[in-house]
């Protein structure tokens, strides 16, 4: 039988667990609600909540319930205002760490800074942060892509799920390029420590096993990055969404494998993968 090692930190982070529990509590005590987008980036969680009455919608125009939930990724102040204007109940599951980033972006923008967000411009969290910047924000992963020469007063923050080391490398690159144009600079490290803990635990695990299974949805930015971190160690890496994707031949000749999971991956998904791995060489 193959020996299976779990990363010391994996799966749901506190912010995601809080968001799911808030939706479950509303469904249990008050009935159905809409979620403005996927409550977390994991199909298994979204499907489970949908079966209990959490209807995912793309816009407030699609809401057919008396309440709507903002996801753990957060939303802009305009969205909150519109929810109240429509008389809908609000379940705000915004991660507390994302909420802090929103507050910082709003404070900096109100203080006259151009806010540069180190992050993916199309990510829901970053879209919310840009809204909190009130038109004074830019989001990018590449410093040279940002029109900052005329900014004068610049503030730099991060999408919370980005690596802390990568964020500070980005800051150094921006400062090096824009030094002559800047009159004032503020940097606020809004990265989430939970993300770094998962990356470090995965790197430690890679030194102990012959292959690692990274469990999570492919539309989850933090899980995709986790898989990249694992691959960078040189260990054989399999990024899977469920146990059904495991090919028995992947386990041929292996005696010890590792399992980790992104911050939006539920415990039951991880346990299902472990159960499959403990079968006869990964067979159902």
Protein backbone atom coordinates (compact mmCIF):
# COMPACT_ATOMS: atom_id res chain seq x y z
CA UNK A 1 0.00 0.00 0.00
CA UNK A 2 1.19 3.50 -0.83
CA UNK A 3 2.06 5.73 2.10
CA UNK A 4 0.17 9.04 1.96
CA UNK A 5 1.43 12.26 3.56
CA UNK A 6 -0.77 15.32 4.00
CA UNK A 7 0.66 18.83 3.93
CA UNK A 8 0.62 20.28 7.44
CA UNK A 9 -1.55 23.17 6.13
CA UNK A 10 -4.05 22.60 3.32
CA UNK A 11 -7.62 23.21 2.25
CA UNK A 12 -10.13 25.76 3.50
CA UNK A 13 -8.63 28.92 4.92
CA UNK A 14 -10.52 30.67 7.76
CA UNK A 15 -12.02 33.25 5.38
CA UNK A 16 -13.44 30.65 3.02
CA UNK A 17 -14.73 28.48 5.87
CA UNK A 18 -16.43 31.54 7.36
CA UNK A 19 -18.08 32.40 4.02
CA UNK A 20 -19.45 28.89 3.52
CA UNK A 21 -20.72 28.71 7.10
CA UNK A 22 -22.48 32.07 6.75
CA UNK A 23 -24.33 30.89 3.64
CA UNK A 24 -25.19 27.55 5.23
CA UNK A 25 -26.55 29.33 8.32
CA UNK A 26 -28.77 31.57 6.19
CA UNK A 27 -30.07 28.60 4.20
CA UNK A 28 -30.81 26.70 7.40
CA UNK A 29 -32.48 29.53 9.30
CA UNK A 30 -33.93 31.85 6.66
CA UNK A 31 -34.23 29.89 3.45
CA UNK A 32 -32.92 30.34 -0.11
CA UNK A 33 -30.69 33.18 -1.22
CA UNK A 34 -28.71 34.24 -4.28
CA UNK A 35 -24.93 34.41 -4.39
CA UNK A 36 -23.39 37.09 -6.57
CA UNK A 37 -20.92 34.79 -8.31
CA UNK A 38 -19.42 31.60 -6.89
CA UNK A 39 -19.25 31.90 -3.10
CA UNK A 40 -15.80 30.30 -3.40
CA UNK A 41 -13.92 29.02 -6.44
CA UNK A 42 -14.73 25.35 -6.00
CA UNK A 43 -17.38 23.52 -8.01
CA UNK A 44 -18.02 20.91 -5.32
CA UNK A 45 -18.83 23.58 -2.73
CA UNK A 46 -20.94 25.62 -5.14
CA UNK A 47 -22.95 22.55 -6.21
CA UNK A 48 -23.53 21.50 -2.61
CA UNK A 49 -24.79 24.94 -1.62
CA UNK A 50 -26.93 25.15 -4.77
CA UNK A 51 -28.64 21.89 -3.83
CA UNK A 52 -29.65 23.54 -0.55
CA UNK A 53 -31.02 26.69 -2.16
CA UNK A 54 -28.07 28.99 -2.87
CA UNK A 55 -28.66 30.19 -6.42
CA UNK A 56 -25.60 31.58 -8.18
CA UNK A 57 -26.27 34.70 -10.27
CA UNK A 58 -24.09 36.89 -12.46
CA UNK A 59 -25.87 40.16 -11.72
CA UNK A 60 -28.40 41.61 -9.31
CA UNK A 61 -30.95 41.64 -12.15
CA UNK A 62 -31.06 37.83 -11.90
CA UNK A 63 -31.83 37.73 -8.17
CA UNK A 64 -35.17 36.02 -7.51
CA UNK A 65 -34.80 35.65 -3.73
CA UNK A 66 -35.19 38.13 -0.89
CA UNK A 67 -31.49 38.02 0.03
CA UNK A 68 -28.18 37.99 -1.76
CA UNK A 69 -24.69 37.02 -0.61
CA UNK A 70 -21.49 38.80 -1.58
CA UNK A 71 -18.76 36.22 -1.99
CA UNK A 72 -15.57 35.82 0.03
CA UNK A 73 -13.75 37.76 -2.72
CA UNK A 74 -15.72 40.89 -1.82
CA UNK A 75 -17.36 43.52 -4.04
CA UNK A 76 -17.28 47.24 -4.66
CA UNK A 77 -19.27 49.79 -2.62
CA UNK A 78 -21.54 50.36 -5.60
CA UNK A 79 -22.71 46.75 -5.39
CA UNK A 80 -23.55 47.06 -1.69
CA UNK A 81 -25.43 50.29 -2.31
CA UNK A 82 -27.44 48.71 -5.12
CA UNK A 83 -28.37 45.72 -2.96
CA UNK A 84 -29.74 48.05 -0.29
CA UNK A 85 -31.48 50.21 -2.91
CA UNK A 86 -33.34 47.13 -4.16
CA UNK A 87 -34.44 46.26 -0.64
CA UNK A 88 -32.62 42.95 -0.61
CA UNK A 89 -31.18 41.32 2.48
CA UNK A 90 -27.38 41.26 2.44
CA UNK A 91 -25.16 38.40 3.56
CA UNK A 92 -21.66 39.85 3.33
CA UNK A 93 -19.20 36.95 3.39
CA UNK A 94 -16.23 39.11 2.34
CA UNK A 95 -13.07 37.65 3.84
CA UNK A 96 -11.87 39.88 6.72
CA UNK A 97 -8.43 40.12 5.12
CA UNK A 98 -9.99 41.23 1.82
CA UNK A 99 -12.12 43.70 3.79
CA UNK A 100 -8.95 45.21 5.26
CA UNK A 101 -7.48 45.55 1.76
CA UNK A 102 -10.65 47.31 0.61
CA UNK A 103 -10.43 49.74 3.52
CA UNK A 104 -6.79 50.49 2.77
CA UNK A 105 -7.49 51.07 -0.92
CA UNK A 106 -10.38 53.40 -0.09
CA UNK A 107 -8.27 55.32 2.48
CA UNK A 108 -5.38 55.75 0.09
CA UNK A 109 -7.57 56.80 -2.81
CA UNK A 110 -9.39 59.32 -0.64
CA UNK A 111 -5.98 60.60 0.45
CA UNK A 112 -5.08 61.52 -3.12
CA UNK A 113 -2.92 58.53 -4.02
CA UNK A 114 -2.99 56.62 -7.28
CA UNK A 115 -3.44 53.03 -6.09
CA UNK A 116 -1.52 50.28 -7.86
CA UNK A 117 -2.79 46.77 -7.13
CA UNK A 118 -0.43 43.87 -7.66
CA UNK A 119 -2.93 41.33 -8.97
CA UNK A 120 -4.96 39.92 -11.83
CA UNK A 121 -7.20 42.67 -13.20
CA UNK A 122 -10.03 40.24 -14.03
CA UNK A 123 -10.09 38.50 -10.64
CA UNK A 124 -13.28 39.21 -8.62
CA UNK A 125 -11.31 40.41 -5.59
CA UNK A 126 -9.27 42.82 -7.67
CA UNK A 127 -12.38 44.09 -9.45
CA UNK A 128 -13.79 44.93 -6.03
CA UNK A 129 -10.58 46.64 -4.94
CA UNK A 130 -10.59 48.75 -8.10
CA UNK A 131 -14.14 49.82 -7.31
CA UNK A 132 -13.04 50.86 -3.81
CA UNK A 133 -10.30 52.95 -5.45
CA UNK A 134 -13.02 55.02 -7.07
CA UNK A 135 -11.37 55.36 -10.45
CA UNK A 136 -7.91 56.03 -9.01
CA UNK A 137 -6.70 52.44 -9.25
CA UNK A 138 -4.74 50.26 -11.65
CA UNK A 139 -4.14 46.50 -11.45
CA UNK A 140 -1.28 44.62 -13.05
CA UNK A 141 1.24 41.84 -12.52
CA UNK A 142 3.90 43.57 -14.63
CA UNK A 143 5.23 46.99 -13.51
CA UNK A 144 5.98 48.18 -17.06
CA UNK A 145 2.32 47.83 -17.98
CA UNK A 146 1.24 50.58 -15.57
CA UNK A 147 0.93 54.26 -16.59
CA UNK A 148 2.48 55.58 -13.38
CA UNK A 149 4.99 58.17 -14.51
CA UNK A 150 2.51 60.96 -13.88
CA UNK A 151 1.14 59.55 -10.63
CA UNK A 152 3.28 61.65 -8.31
CA UNK A 153 1.77 60.12 -5.17
CA UNK A 154 1.62 56.35 -5.49
CA UNK A 155 0.33 53.62 -3.17
CA UNK A 156 0.93 49.93 -3.80
CA UNK A 157 -1.18 47.09 -2.38
CA UNK A 158 -1.67 43.44 -3.31
CA UNK A 159 -4.38 41.00 -4.22
CA UNK A 160 -4.55 39.09 -0.95
CA UNK A 161 -3.80 35.66 -2.46
CA UNK A 162 -0.49 36.69 -4.00
CA UNK A 163 2.82 35.56 -2.50
CA UNK A 164 4.39 38.05 -0.13
CA UNK A 165 7.86 37.66 -1.65
CA UNK A 166 6.49 38.22 -5.17
CA UNK A 167 4.64 41.32 -3.97
CA UNK A 168 7.80 42.90 -2.55
CA UNK A 169 9.73 42.06 -5.72
CA UNK A 170 6.99 43.87 -7.63
CA UNK A 171 7.29 46.87 -5.30
CA UNK A 172 11.05 47.03 -5.82
CA UNK A 173 10.62 46.86 -9.59
CA UNK A 174 8.05 49.67 -9.58
CA UNK A 175 10.15 51.88 -7.34
CA UNK A 176 13.23 51.29 -9.47
CA UNK A 177 11.36 52.27 -12.62
CA UNK A 178 9.37 55.18 -11.23
CA UNK A 179 11.81 56.63 -8.68
CA UNK A 180 12.35 59.89 -10.54
CA UNK A 181 8.63 60.54 -11.06
CA UNK A 182 7.38 59.82 -7.53
CA UNK A 183 6.94 62.51 -4.91
CA UNK A 184 5.44 60.18 -2.30
CA UNK A 185 5.07 56.42 -1.96
CA UNK A 186 3.05 54.26 0.44
CA UNK A 187 3.22 50.47 0.42
CA UNK A 188 0.70 48.37 2.33
CA UNK A 189 1.31 44.62 2.43
CA UNK A 190 -2.21 43.21 2.03
CA UNK A 191 -1.11 39.66 1.23
CA UNK A 192 -2.79 36.92 3.23
CA UNK A 193 -0.52 34.89 5.53
CA UNK A 194 -2.68 31.82 4.97
CA UNK A 195 -1.59 31.70 1.33
CA UNK A 196 2.08 31.71 2.24
CA UNK A 197 1.56 29.03 4.89
CA UNK A 198 0.09 26.69 2.28
CA UNK A 199 2.91 27.32 -0.17
CA UNK A 200 5.57 26.68 2.48
CA UNK A 201 3.83 23.52 3.69
CA UNK A 202 3.67 22.23 0.11
CA UNK A 203 7.37 22.92 -0.42
CA UNK A 204 8.21 21.08 2.80
CA UNK A 205 6.02 18.16 1.72
CA UNK A 206 7.81 17.96 -1.64
CA UNK A 207 11.02 17.01 0.14
CA UNK A 208 9.37 13.98 1.72
CA UNK A 209 7.47 12.35 -1.14
CA UNK A 210 7.85 11.12 -4.72
CA UNK A 211 4.75 12.84 -6.10
CA UNK A 212 2.16 15.35 -4.90
CA UNK A 213 -1.54 15.61 -5.70
CA UNK A 214 -2.82 19.19 -5.58
CA UNK A 215 -6.59 19.17 -5.11
CA UNK A 216 -8.83 22.06 -6.12
CA UNK A 217 -10.76 23.77 -8.89
CA UNK A 218 -8.86 24.97 -11.92
CA UNK A 219 -10.72 28.28 -11.76
CA UNK A 220 -9.20 28.92 -8.33
CA UNK A 221 -6.27 31.33 -8.65
CA UNK A 222 -4.76 30.30 -5.31
CA UNK A 223 -4.92 26.59 -6.18
CA UNK A 224 -3.36 27.13 -9.61
CA UNK A 225 -0.53 29.01 -7.95
CA UNK A 226 -0.17 26.28 -5.33
CA UNK A 227 0.30 23.75 -8.14
CA UNK A 228 2.93 26.01 -9.71
CA UNK A 229 4.79 26.24 -6.40
CA UNK A 230 4.78 22.45 -6.10
CA UNK A 231 5.96 21.93 -9.68
CA UNK A 232 8.80 24.38 -9.11
CA UNK A 233 10.25 22.03 -6.48
CA UNK A 234 10.81 19.41 -9.16
CA UNK A 235 8.55 16.79 -7.58
CA UNK A 236 6.07 15.01 -9.83
CA UNK A 237 2.86 17.07 -9.62
CA UNK A 238 -0.75 16.19 -10.42
CA UNK A 239 -3.31 19.03 -10.27
CA UNK A 240 -6.75 17.44 -9.98
CA UNK A 241 -10.26 18.61 -9.18
CA UNK A 242 -11.56 15.27 -7.89
CA UNK A 243 -10.58 11.69 -7.19
CA UNK A 244 -12.08 10.63 -10.53
CA UNK A 245 -9.17 12.24 -12.38
CA UNK A 246 -6.56 9.96 -10.81
CA UNK A 247 -4.99 7.56 -13.32
CA UNK A 248 -3.78 4.31 -11.69
CA UNK A 249 -0.60 4.37 -13.80
CA UNK A 250 0.41 7.62 -12.06
CA UNK A 251 1.15 5.53 -8.97
CA UNK A 252 3.23 2.85 -10.64
CA UNK A 253 6.53 2.39 -8.81
CA UNK A 254 5.69 4.93 -6.08
CA UNK A 255 5.82 4.18 -2.37
CA UNK A 256 5.11 7.60 -0.84
CA UNK A 257 2.90 10.40 -2.22
CA UNK A 258 1.73 13.70 -0.81
CA UNK A 259 -1.61 15.52 -0.90
CA UNK A 260 -2.29 19.22 -0.54
CA UNK A 261 -5.19 21.49 -1.48
CA UNK A 262 -5.97 25.10 -2.23
CA UNK A 263 -7.63 27.46 0.24
CA UNK A 264 -11.00 27.00 -1.48
CA UNK A 265 -10.95 23.19 -1.43
CA UNK A 266 -13.31 21.49 1.07
CA UNK A 267 -12.21 18.71 3.40
CA UNK A 268 -14.47 16.16 1.71
CA UNK A 269 -12.65 16.63 -1.62
CA UNK A 270 -9.30 15.96 0.02
CA UNK A 271 -10.61 12.90 1.87
CA UNK A 272 -12.10 11.50 -1.35
CA UNK A 273 -8.70 11.77 -3.04
CA UNK A 274 -6.99 10.06 -0.10
CA UNK A 275 -9.55 7.24 -0.18
CA UNK A 276 -8.93 6.68 -3.88
CA UNK A 277 -5.15 6.69 -3.40
CA UNK A 278 -5.49 4.10 -0.65
CA UNK A 279 -7.31 1.78 -3.05
CA UNK A 280 -5.46 -0.77 -5.16
CA UNK A 281 -3.03 1.63 -6.84
CA UNK A 282 -5.56 4.40 -7.28
CA UNK A 283 -8.36 2.29 -8.71
CA UNK A 284 -12.00 2.98 -7.67
